[in-house]
C-alpha atoms as a PDB file:
ATOM      1  CA  MET A   1      -0.139  -0.182   0.013  1.00  0.00           C
ATOM      2  CA  ILE A   2       0.716   3.951   0.016  1.00  0.00           C
ATOM      3  CA  ALA A   3       2.829   4.813   2.324  1.00  0.00           C
ATOM      4  CA  SER A   4       2.209   8.670   4.160  1.00  0.00           C
ATOM      5  CA  MET A   5       4.984  10.891   4.785  1.00  0.00           C
ATOM      6  CA  THR A   6       4.676  11.473   8.224  1.00  0.00           C
ATOM      7  CA  GLY A   7       5.926   9.196  11.474  1.00  0.00           C
ATOM      8  CA  PHE A   8       7.694   9.044  14.010  1.00  0.00           C
ATOM      9  CA  ALA A   9      10.536   6.492  16.211  1.00  0.00           C
ATOM     10  CA  ASN A  10      12.655   6.409  18.880  1.00  0.00           C
ATOM     11  CA  VAL A  11      15.111   3.800  20.098  1.00  0.00           C
ATOM     12  CA  THR A  12      17.079   4.395  23.145  1.00  0.00           C
ATOM     13  CA  ARG A  13      19.769   1.601  25.041  1.00  0.00           C
ATOM     14  CA  PRO A  14      20.913   1.630  28.300  1.00  0.00           C
ATOM     15  CA  ILE A  15      24.874   2.635  28.456  1.00  0.00           C
ATOM     16  CA  SER A  16      26.891  -0.523  29.302  1.00  0.00           C
ATOM     17  CA  ALA A  17      30.194   0.486  30.442  1.00  0.00           C
ATOM     18  CA  GLU A  18      31.983   0.412  33.684  1.00  0.00           C
ATOM     19  CA  ARG A  19      31.209   3.688  36.422  1.00  0.00           C
ATOM     20  CA  VAL A  20      29.085   5.341  33.982  1.00  0.00           C
ATOM     21  CA  GLY A  21      25.356   4.906  33.614  1.00  0.00           C
ATOM     22  CA  GLY A  22      22.497   6.469  31.548  1.00  0.00           C
ATOM     23  CA  THR A  23      20.901   6.273  28.025  1.00  0.00           C
ATOM     24  CA  LEU A  24      21.341   6.375  24.656  1.00  0.00           C
ATOM     25  CA  SER A  25      19.047   7.701  22.275  1.00  0.00           C
ATOM     26  CA  PHE A  26      18.255   7.822  18.617  1.00  0.00           C
ATOM     27  CA  GLU A  27      15.024   9.996  17.042  1.00  0.00           C
ATOM     28  CA  ILE A  28      14.073   9.855  14.123  1.00  0.00           C
ATOM     29  CA  LYS A  29      10.808  12.058  12.456  1.00  0.00           C
ATOM     30  CA  SER A  30       9.495  13.045   9.603  1.00  0.00           C
ATOM     31  CA  VAL A  31       6.742  15.365   7.867  1.00  0.00           C
ATOM     32  CA  ASN A  32       5.659  15.979   4.517  1.00  0.00           C
ATOM     33  CA  SER A  33       7.491  17.781   1.549  1.00  0.00           C
ATOM     34  CA  ARG A  34       8.017  17.372  -1.963  1.00  0.00           C
ATOM     35  CA  PHE A  35      11.305  15.861  -1.762  1.00  0.00           C
ATOM     36  CA  LEU A  36      13.510  14.127   0.249  1.00  0.00           C
ATOM     37  CA  ASP A  37      15.235  16.766   3.180  1.00  0.00           C
ATOM     38  CA  LEU A  38      17.533  14.924   5.401  1.00  0.00           C
ATOM     39  CA  SER A  39      18.701  17.271   8.384  1.00  0.00           C
ATOM     40  CA  PHE A  40      20.932  15.308  11.063  1.00  0.00           C
ATOM     41  CA  ARG A  41      21.486  16.939  14.732  1.00  0.00           C
ATOM     42  CA  PHE A  42      24.223  14.977  16.386  1.00  0.00           C
ATOM     43  CA  PRO A  43      27.152  16.086  18.824  1.00  0.00           C
ATOM     44  CA  ASP A  44      30.632  15.890  17.200  1.00  0.00           C
ATOM     45  CA  GLU A  45      31.421  12.595  18.833  1.00  0.00           C
ATOM     46  CA  LEU A  46      29.144  10.931  15.898  1.00  0.00           C
ATOM     47  CA  ARG A  47      29.133  13.222  12.904  1.00  0.00           C
ATOM     48  CA  ALA A  48      30.560  10.216  11.129  1.00  0.00           C
ATOM     49  CA  LEU A  49      27.539   8.581  11.875  1.00  0.00           C
ATOM     50  CA  GLU A  50      25.771  11.240   8.783  1.00  0.00           C
ATOM     51  CA  MET A  51      26.903   9.991   5.893  1.00  0.00           C
ATOM     52  CA  PRO A  52      26.316   6.251   6.396  1.00  0.00           C
ATOM     53  CA  LEU A  53      22.950   7.233   7.377  1.00  0.00           C
ATOM     54  CA  ARG A  54      22.150   9.700   4.638  1.00  0.00           C
ATOM     55  CA  GLU A  55      22.944   7.018   1.746  1.00  0.00           C
ATOM     56  CA  MET A  56      20.690   4.446   3.808  1.00  0.00           C
ATOM     57  CA  LEU A  57      17.902   6.812   4.304  1.00  0.00           C
ATOM     58  CA  SER A  58      18.404   7.820   0.489  1.00  0.00           C
ATOM     59  CA  LYS A  59      17.553   3.906  -0.503  1.00  0.00           C
ATOM     60  CA  GLU A  60      14.597   3.489   2.144  1.00  0.00           C
ATOM     61  CA  LEU A  61      12.676   7.129   1.508  1.00  0.00           C
ATOM     62  CA  ALA A  62      11.596   8.867  -1.499  1.00  0.00           C
ATOM     63  CA  ARG A  63       9.921  11.824  -0.036  1.00  0.00           C
ATOM     64  CA  GLY A  64       9.598  13.765   3.210  1.00  0.00           C
ATOM     65  CA  LYS A  65      11.182  16.369   5.321  1.00  0.00           C
ATOM     66  CA  VAL A  66      13.474  14.103   7.523  1.00  0.00           C
ATOM     67  CA  GLU A  67      15.352  14.905  10.834  1.00  0.00           C
ATOM     68  CA  CYS A  68      17.496  12.283  13.025  1.00  0.00           C
ATOM     69  CA  ARG A  69      18.841  13.377  16.547  1.00  0.00           C
ATOM     70  CA  ALA A  70      21.069  11.350  18.673  1.00  0.00           C
ATOM     71  CA  GLY A  71      22.823  11.705  21.923  1.00  0.00           C
ATOM     72  CA  TRP A  72      22.955  10.445  25.155  1.00  0.00           C
ATOM     73  CA  ALA A  73      22.223  10.837  29.021  1.00  0.00           C
ATOM     74  CA  LEU A  74      24.414  10.320  31.974  1.00  0.00           C
ATOM     75  CA  GLN A  75      22.730   9.433  35.452  1.00  0.00           C
ATOM     76  CA  ALA A  76      24.347  12.099  38.461  1.00  0.00           C
ATOM     77  CA  ASN A  77      25.751   9.544  40.740  1.00  0.00           C
ATOM     78  CA  ASP A  78      29.209   9.440  42.244  1.00  0.00           C
ATOM     79  CA  VAL A  79      29.987   6.061  40.995  1.00  0.00           C
ATOM     80  CA  ASN A  80      30.743   8.013  37.866  1.00  0.00           C
ATOM     81  CA  GLU A  81      33.631  10.261  39.672  1.00  0.00           C
ATOM     82  CA  THR A  82      36.382   8.914  40.831  1.00  0.00           C
ATOM     83  CA  LEU A  83      39.743  11.089  42.583  1.00  0.00           C
ATOM     84  CA  ASP A  84      43.018  10.938  40.616  1.00  0.00           C
ATOM     85  CA  MET A  85      45.265   9.699  43.681  1.00  0.00           C
ATOM     86  CA  GLU A  86      48.472  10.735  41.613  1.00  0.00           C
ATOM     87  CA  ARG A  87      47.148  14.393  40.908  1.00  0.00           C
ATOM     88  CA  MET A  88      46.781  14.563  44.527  1.00  0.00           C
ATOM     89  CA  GLN A  89      50.169  13.522  45.409  1.00  0.00           C
ATOM     90  CA  ARG A  90      51.317  15.909  43.482  1.00  0.00           C
ATOM     91  CA  LEU A  91      49.141  18.574  44.330  1.00  0.00           C
ATOM     92  CA  LEU A  92      50.243  17.778  48.119  1.00  0.00           C
ATOM     93  CA  GLN A  93      53.907  17.945  47.308  1.00  0.00           C
ATOM     94  CA  LEU A  94      53.699  21.307  45.308  1.00  0.00           C
ATOM     95  CA  ALA A  95      51.483  22.577  48.460  1.00  0.00           C
ATOM     96  CA  ASN A  96      54.418  21.287  50.964  1.00  0.00           C
ATOM     97  CA  GLU A  97      57.252  22.830  49.289  1.00  0.00           C
ATOM     98  CA  VAL A  98      54.947  26.097  49.194  1.00  0.00           C
ATOM     99  CA  GLN A  99      54.520  25.802  52.865  1.00  0.00           C
ATOM    100  CA  GLY A 100      58.488  25.534  53.375  1.00  0.00           C
ATOM    101  CA  LEU A 101      59.185  28.820  51.444  1.00  0.00           C
ATOM    102  CA  PHE A 102      56.369  30.481  52.892  1.00  0.00           C
ATOM    103  CA  ALA A 103      55.501  29.515  56.442  1.00  0.00           C
ATOM    104  CA  ASP A 104      52.557  31.473  57.549  1.00  0.00           C
ATOM    105  CA  SER A 105      50.769  30.165  54.133  1.00  0.00           C
ATOM    106  CA  ARG A 106      47.497  28.513  54.484  1.00  0.00           C
ATOM    107  CA  GLY A 107      47.105  25.239  53.819  1.00  0.00           C
ATOM    108  CA  LEU A 108      44.748  23.527  51.451  1.00  0.00           C
ATOM    109  CA  SER A 109      41.442  22.910  52.412  1.00  0.00           C
ATOM    110  CA  THR A 110      39.510  19.596  51.099  1.00  0.00           C
ATOM    111  CA  ALA A 111      37.602  22.152  48.934  1.00  0.00           C
ATOM    112  CA  ASP A 112      40.780  23.681  47.378  1.00  0.00           C
ATOM    113  CA  VAL A 113      41.924  19.819  46.479  1.00  0.00           C
ATOM    114  CA  LEU A 114      38.223  19.157  44.779  1.00  0.00           C
ATOM    115  CA  ARG A 115      38.567  22.267  42.239  1.00  0.00           C
ATOM    116  CA  TRP A 116      41.825  21.402  41.100  1.00  0.00           C
ATOM    117  CA  PRO A 117      41.780  21.017  37.669  1.00  0.00           C
ATOM    118  CA  GLY A 118      42.392  16.594  37.114  1.00  0.00           C
ATOM    119  CA  VAL A 119      41.560  15.596  40.405  1.00  0.00           C
ATOM    120  CA  VAL A 120      38.188  14.692  40.286  1.00  0.00           C
ATOM    121  CA  ARG A 121      37.573  12.316  36.941  1.00  0.00           C
ATOM    122  CA  THR A 122      34.554  11.849  35.544  1.00  0.00           C
ATOM    123  CA  ALA A 123      34.198   8.714  33.525  1.00  0.00           C
ATOM    124  CA  GLU A 124      33.913   9.032  29.857  1.00  0.00           C
ATOM    125  CA  LEU A 125      32.323   6.919  27.332  1.00  0.00           C
ATOM    126  CA  ASP A 126      34.103   4.567  25.198  1.00  0.00           C
ATOM    127  CA  TRP A 127      33.707   5.995  21.288  1.00  0.00           C
ATOM    128  CA  ALA A 128      34.709   2.949  19.819  1.00  0.00           C
ATOM    129  CA  SER A 129      32.260   0.750  21.123  1.00  0.00           C
ATOM    130  CA  LEU A 130      29.399   3.155  21.767  1.00  0.00           C
ATOM    131  CA  PHE A 131      29.529   4.192  17.500  1.00  0.00           C
ATOM    132  CA  SER A 132      28.625   0.420  16.311  1.00  0.00           C
ATOM    133  CA  GLU A 133      25.948   0.377  19.020  1.00  0.00           C
ATOM    134  CA  PHE A 134      24.373   3.780  17.369  1.00  0.00           C
ATOM    135  CA  GLN A 135      24.548   2.479  14.157  1.00  0.00           C
ATOM    136  CA  THR A 136      22.822  -0.165  15.061  1.00  0.00           C
ATOM    137  CA  MET A 137      20.009   1.860  16.599  1.00  0.00           C
ATOM    138  CA  ALA A 138      19.840   4.194  13.479  1.00  0.00           C
ATOM    139  CA  VAL A 139      18.808   1.214  10.991  1.00  0.00           C
ATOM    140  CA  GLU A 140      16.320  -0.408  14.068  1.00  0.00           C
ATOM    141  CA  ALA A 141      14.700   3.675  14.067  1.00  0.00           C
ATOM    142  CA  VAL A 142      14.836   3.910  10.380  1.00  0.00           C
ATOM    143  CA  GLN A 143      12.720   0.735  10.062  1.00  0.00           C
ATOM    144  CA  ALA A 144      10.562   1.720  12.951  1.00  0.00           C
ATOM    145  CA  LEU A 145       9.544   4.685  10.753  1.00  0.00           C
ATOM    146  CA  LYS A 146       9.212   2.991   7.981  1.00  0.00           C
ATOM    147  CA  ALA A 147       6.282   1.041   9.634  1.00  0.00           C
ATOM    148  CA  VAL A 148       4.811   3.867  10.788  1.00  0.00           C
ATOM    149  CA  ARG A 149       4.443   5.484   7.543  1.00  0.00           C
ATOM    150  CA  ASN A 150       3.564   2.251   5.841  1.00  0.00           C
ATOM    151  CA  ARG A 151       0.779   2.086   8.525  1.00  0.00           C
ATOM    152  CA  GLU A 152      -0.390   5.710   8.595  1.00  0.00           C
ATOM    153  CA  GLY A 153      -0.387   5.372   4.698  1.00  0.00           C
ATOM    154  CA  ALA A 154      -3.054   2.468   5.130  1.00  0.00           C
ATOM    155  CA  ARG A 155      -5.200   4.325   6.796  1.00  0.00           C
ATOM    156  CA  LEU A 156      -5.002   7.610   4.070  1.00  0.00           C
ATOM    157  CA  ALA A 157      -5.746   4.646   1.411  1.00  0.00           C
ATOM    158  CA  GLU A 158      -9.140   4.074   3.300  1.00  0.00           C
ATOM    159  CA  LEU A 159     -10.355   7.795   3.553  1.00  0.00           C
ATOM    160  CA  VAL A 160      -9.286   7.969   0.168  1.00  0.00           C
ATOM    161  CA  LYS A 161     -11.205   5.137  -1.034  1.00  0.00           C
ATOM    162  CA  THR A 162     -14.301   6.108   1.159  1.00  0.00           C
ATOM    163  CA  ARG A 163     -14.016   9.237  -0.770  1.00  0.00           C
ATOM    164  CA  THR A 164     -14.172   8.090  -4.256  1.00  0.00           C
ATOM    165  CA  THR A 165     -16.911   5.778  -3.587  1.00  0.00           C
ATOM    166  CA  ALA A 166     -18.714   8.909  -2.726  1.00  0.00           C
ATOM    167  CA  MET A 167     -17.700  10.240  -5.599  1.00  0.00           C
ATOM    168  CA  ARG A 168     -19.234   7.374  -7.712  1.00  0.00           C
ATOM    169  CA  GLU A 169     -22.397   7.661  -6.263  1.00  0.00           C
ATOM    170  CA  LEU A 170     -22.496  11.264  -7.257  1.00  0.00           C
ATOM    171  CA  VAL A 171     -21.690  10.521 -10.677  1.00  0.00           C
ATOM    172  CA  ALA A 172     -24.033   7.908 -10.811  1.00  0.00           C
ATOM    173  CA  ARG A 173     -26.734  10.028  -9.603  1.00  0.00           C
ATOM    174  CA  ALA A 174     -26.097  12.812 -11.743  1.00  0.00           C
ATOM    175  CA  ASP A 175     -25.404  10.485 -14.985  1.00  0.00           C
ATOM    176  CA  PRO A 176     -30.024  10.024 -15.906  1.00  0.00           C
ATOM    177  CA  LEU A 177     -30.445  13.795 -14.849  1.00  0.00           C
ATOM    178  CA  ILE A 178     -29.167  15.140 -17.677  1.00  0.00           C
ATOM    179  CA  PRO A 179     -31.213  13.835 -20.717  1.00  0.00           C
ATOM    180  CA  ALA A 180     -34.358  14.352 -18.573  1.00  0.00           C
ATOM    181  CA  ALA A 181     -32.950  18.040 -18.101  1.00  0.00           C
ATOM    182  CA  GLN A 182     -32.446  18.670 -21.937  1.00  0.00           C
ATOM    183  CA  GLN A 183     -35.975  16.796 -22.566  1.00  0.00           C
ATOM    184  CA  ALA A 184     -37.510  19.330 -20.223  1.00  0.00           C
ATOM    185  CA  PHE A 185     -35.296  22.199 -21.633  1.00  0.00           C
ATOM    186  CA  ALA A 186     -36.585  21.369 -25.255  1.00  0.00           C
ATOM    187  CA  GLU A 187     -40.392  20.656 -24.302  1.00  0.00           C
ATOM    188  CA  LYS A 188     -40.371  24.183 -22.729  1.00  0.00           C
ATOM    189  CA  ALA A 189     -38.747  25.844 -25.477  1.00  0.00           C
ATOM    190  CA  ARG A 190     -41.371  24.226 -27.932  1.00  0.00           C
ATOM    191  CA  ALA A 191     -44.120  25.374 -25.784  1.00  0.00           C
ATOM    192  CA  LYS A 192     -42.858  28.857 -26.025  1.00  0.00           C
ATOM    193  CA  LEU A 193     -42.556  29.167 -29.461  1.00  0.00           C
ATOM    194  CA  ILE A 194     -46.042  27.686 -30.532  1.00  0.00           C
ATOM    195  CA  GLU A 195     -47.340  30.812 -28.284  1.00  0.00           C
ATOM    196  CA  VAL A 196     -45.160  33.040 -29.627  1.00  0.00           C
ATOM    197  CA  VAL A 197     -45.619  32.253 -33.129  1.00  0.00           C
ATOM    198  CA  GLY A 198     -47.600  29.303 -33.325  1.00  0.00           C
ATOM    199  CA  SER A 199     -45.061  26.497 -34.553  1.00  0.00           C
ATOM    200  CA  ALA A 200     -42.008  25.479 -33.365  1.00  0.00           C
ATOM    201  CA  GLU A 201     -40.672  23.582 -36.698  1.00  0.00           C
ATOM    202  CA  ASP A 202     -38.447  26.359 -37.911  1.00  0.00           C
ATOM    203  CA  GLU A 203     -34.923  25.076 -38.807  1.00  0.00           C
ATOM    204  CA  ARG A 204     -33.485  27.480 -37.100  1.00  0.00           C
ATOM    205  CA  ILE A 205     -35.479  26.573 -33.843  1.00  0.00           C
ATOM    206  CA  ARG A 206     -34.175  23.115 -33.939  1.00  0.00           C
ATOM    207  CA  GLN A 207     -31.043  24.128 -35.021  1.00  0.00           C
ATOM    208  CA  GLU A 208     -30.901  25.800 -31.637  1.00  0.00           C
ATOM    209  CA  LEU A 209     -32.199  23.114 -29.844  1.00  0.00           C
ATOM    210  CA  THR A 210     -29.258  20.856 -30.906  1.00  0.00           C
ATOM    211  CA  LEU A 211     -26.515  22.780 -30.155  1.00  0.00           C
ATOM    212  CA  TYR A 212     -28.102  23.526 -26.764  1.00  0.00           C
ATOM    213  CA  ALA A 213     -28.516  19.792 -26.427  1.00  0.00           C
ATOM    214  CA  VAL A 214     -24.584  19.964 -27.361  1.00  0.00           C
ATOM    215  CA  ARG A 215     -23.393  22.670 -25.058  1.00  0.00           C
ATOM    216  CA  THR A 216     -25.086  20.493 -21.802  1.00  0.00           C
ATOM    217  CA  ASP A 217     -24.094  16.750 -22.792  1.00  0.00           C
ATOM    218  CA  VAL A 218     -21.530  16.128 -20.012  1.00  0.00           C
ATOM    219  CA  ALA A 219     -21.934  12.233 -20.773  1.00  0.00           C
ATOM    220  CA  GLU A 220     -17.580  12.891 -21.708  1.00  0.00           C
ATOM    221  CA  GLU A 221     -17.077  14.449 -18.632  1.00  0.00           C
ATOM    222  CA  LEU A 222     -18.857  12.024 -16.607  1.00  0.00           C
ATOM    223  CA  GLY A 223     -17.177   8.911 -18.211  1.00  0.00           C
ATOM    224  CA  ARG A 224     -13.791  10.604 -17.975  1.00  0.00           C
ATOM    225  CA  LEU A 225     -14.633  10.949 -13.546  1.00  0.00           C
ATOM    226  CA  LYS A 226     -15.383   7.665 -13.722  1.00  0.00           C
ATOM    227  CA  VAL A 227     -12.028   6.799 -15.556  1.00  0.00           C
ATOM    228  CA  HIS A 228     -10.058   8.883 -12.957  1.00  0.00           C
ATOM    229  CA  LEU A 229     -11.471   7.492  -9.600  1.00  0.00           C
ATOM    230  CA  ASP A 230     -10.787   3.964 -10.967  1.00  0.00           C
ATOM    231  CA  GLU A 231      -7.005   5.355 -11.502  1.00  0.00           C
ATOM    232  CA  VAL A 232      -7.311   7.054  -7.787  1.00  0.00           C
ATOM    233  CA  ASP A 233      -7.843   3.512  -6.301  1.00  0.00           C
ATOM    234  CA  ARG A 234      -5.381   1.924  -8.736  1.00  0.00           C
ATOM    235  CA  VAL A 235      -3.008   3.569  -7.291  1.00  0.00           C
ATOM    236  CA  VAL A 236      -3.626   4.106  -3.845  1.00  0.00           C
ATOM    237  CA  SER A 237      -3.735   0.371  -3.662  1.00  0.00           C
ATOM    238  CA  THR A 238       0.103  -0.053  -4.988  1.00  0.00           C
ATOM    239  CA  ARG A 239       3.031  -0.114  -3.555  1.00  0.00           C
ATOM    240  CA  GLY A 240       6.210   2.469  -4.196  1.00  0.00           C
ATOM    241  CA  GLN A 241       5.686   6.425  -4.840  1.00  0.00           C
ATOM    242  CA  ALA A 242       1.801   7.682  -5.138  1.00  0.00           C
ATOM    243  CA  GLY A 243       1.740  11.077  -3.687  1.00  0.00           C
ATOM    244  CA  LYS A 244       2.591  13.225  -7.449  1.00  0.00           C
ATOM    245  CA  ARG A 245       0.031  10.553  -9.347  1.00  0.00           C
ATOM    246  CA  LEU A 246      -2.481  11.101  -6.969  1.00  0.00           C
ATOM    247  CA  ASP A 247      -2.189  14.621  -6.557  1.00  0.00           C
ATOM    248  CA  PHE A 248      -2.084  15.512 -11.184  1.00  0.00           C
ATOM    249  CA  LEU A 249      -5.405  13.075 -10.783  1.00  0.00           C
ATOM    250  CA  MET A 250      -7.025  15.759  -8.413  1.00  0.00           C
ATOM    251  CA  GLN A 251      -6.267  18.085 -10.695  1.00  0.00           C
ATOM    252  CA  GLU A 252      -8.348  16.137 -13.704  1.00  0.00           C
ATOM    253  CA  LEU A 253     -10.987  15.304 -11.055  1.00  0.00           C
ATOM    254  CA  ASN A 254     -11.246  19.045 -10.299  1.00  0.00           C
ATOM    255  CA  ARG A 255     -11.350  20.269 -13.869  1.00  0.00           C
ATOM    256  CA  GLU A 256     -13.952  17.427 -14.619  1.00  0.00           C
ATOM    257  CA  ALA A 257     -15.990  19.025 -12.091  1.00  0.00           C
ATOM    258  CA  ASN A 258     -15.589  22.501 -12.824  1.00  0.00           C
ATOM    259  CA  THR A 259     -16.715  21.310 -16.586  1.00  0.00           C
ATOM    260  CA  LEU A 260     -19.976  19.113 -14.855  1.00  0.00           C
ATOM    261  CA  GLY A 261     -21.572  22.435 -12.972  1.00  0.00           C
ATOM    262  CA  SER A 262     -20.618  25.278 -15.836  1.00  0.00           C
ATOM    263  CA  LYS A 263     -22.408  22.664 -18.362  1.00  0.00           C
ATOM    264  CA  SER A 264     -25.394  21.958 -15.060  1.00  0.00           C
ATOM    265  CA  VAL A 265     -29.130  22.440 -16.684  1.00  0.00           C
ATOM    266  CA  SER A 266     -30.871  22.243 -13.011  1.00  0.00           C
ATOM    267  CA  THR A 267     -29.991  22.920  -9.552  1.00  0.00           C
ATOM    268  CA  ASP A 268     -29.565  18.680  -9.234  1.00  0.00           C
ATOM    269  CA  VAL A 269     -26.675  18.434 -10.867  1.00  0.00           C
ATOM    270  CA  SER A 270     -24.884  21.837  -9.862  1.00  0.00           C
ATOM    271  CA  ALA A 271     -25.690  20.790  -6.173  1.00  0.00           C
ATOM    272  CA  ILE A 272     -23.625  17.033  -7.595  1.00  0.00           C
ATOM    273  CA  ALA A 273     -20.842  19.355  -8.973  1.00  0.00           C
ATOM    274  CA  MET A 274     -20.700  21.181  -5.943  1.00  0.00           C
ATOM    275  CA  GLU A 275     -20.250  17.809  -3.695  1.00  0.00           C
ATOM    276  CA  LEU A 276     -17.898  16.404  -6.164  1.00  0.00           C
ATOM    277  CA  LYS A 277     -15.219  19.418  -5.634  1.00  0.00           C
ATOM    278  CA  LEU A 278     -15.788  19.081  -2.290  1.00  0.00           C
ATOM    279  CA  LEU A 279     -14.619  16.056  -2.025  1.00  0.00           C
ATOM    280  CA  ILE A 280     -11.804  16.160  -4.295  1.00  0.00           C
ATOM    281  CA  GLU A 281     -10.536  18.479  -2.052  1.00  0.00           C
ATOM    282  CA  GLN A 282     -10.578  16.222   1.035  1.00  0.00           C
ATOM    283  CA  ILE A 283      -9.149  13.900  -1.232  1.00  0.00           C
ATOM    284  CA  ARG A 284      -6.148  16.393  -1.869  1.00  0.00           C
ATOM    285  CA  GLU A 285      -5.402  17.305   1.654  1.00  0.00           C
ATOM    286  CA  GLN A 286      -4.829  13.973   2.129  1.00  0.00           C
ATOM    287  CA  VAL A 287      -2.514  13.296  -0.811  1.00  0.00           C
ATOM    288  CA  GLN A 288      -0.109  15.939   0.744  1.00  0.00           C
ATOM    289  CA  ASN A 289       0.772  13.392   3.170  1.00  0.00           C
ATOM    290  CA  ILE A 290       1.429  10.968   0.521  1.00  0.00           C
ATOM    291  CA  GLU A 291       4.895   9.914  -0.289  1.00  0.00           C
END
């Protein structure tokens, strides 16, 4: 079935590293766009992930504005931080040397020691091992996004088919109205001519009535409406890109509905033409989200 261009997916993993707690996350979302528009919001440590992901998305998706985000969140706990004993020993040595020269100098407080650069070490992530994890997460997120877009596409297909069914019913109602309206107009014209000139057999009058019948004949428009509706149903039932094709079909349907309204010879047909245009516009709104 067709696919929507709207979707969202998020994949998370717990960080499995010594003395480091937290989660890794990869998020991808897409909205409608005329073309495939990719953007990436990655920290510097993950910039190398952008190019292979761009290639994968170009193969997996055809249209949509797609945004990818990746990052991590560390837990704030004392397990993530340790003291560098070598730096503290060196700091103590320097402090003793200073006090040997300046006997009245104040000794280092605990706060002074902890503020010294490098004394408190924060556990760092091992990017060499985590990069492959982010790659796996990216693949999972893209597949999850496609699944969401496919499910949304199936719902859009049902909405479109519901409206094409309603349009077929309107066309079927309009079909028998045209000959009846033309006949009513012809009889009314003949009666008026007989009242005015006493005869309706004038050749010019017959020509005018024939031209009127031709101008108000919408059999061709009704036939094209049926053909276009069949094509819409066929397109939404097939795989692959359908959005641009459906957008073109909406233009054609709207053109035929306009012609039907302009050739209308009765209020019933005019009302049907307006209903057709309303349904076409409803389908057009849905088509904007179809890949």
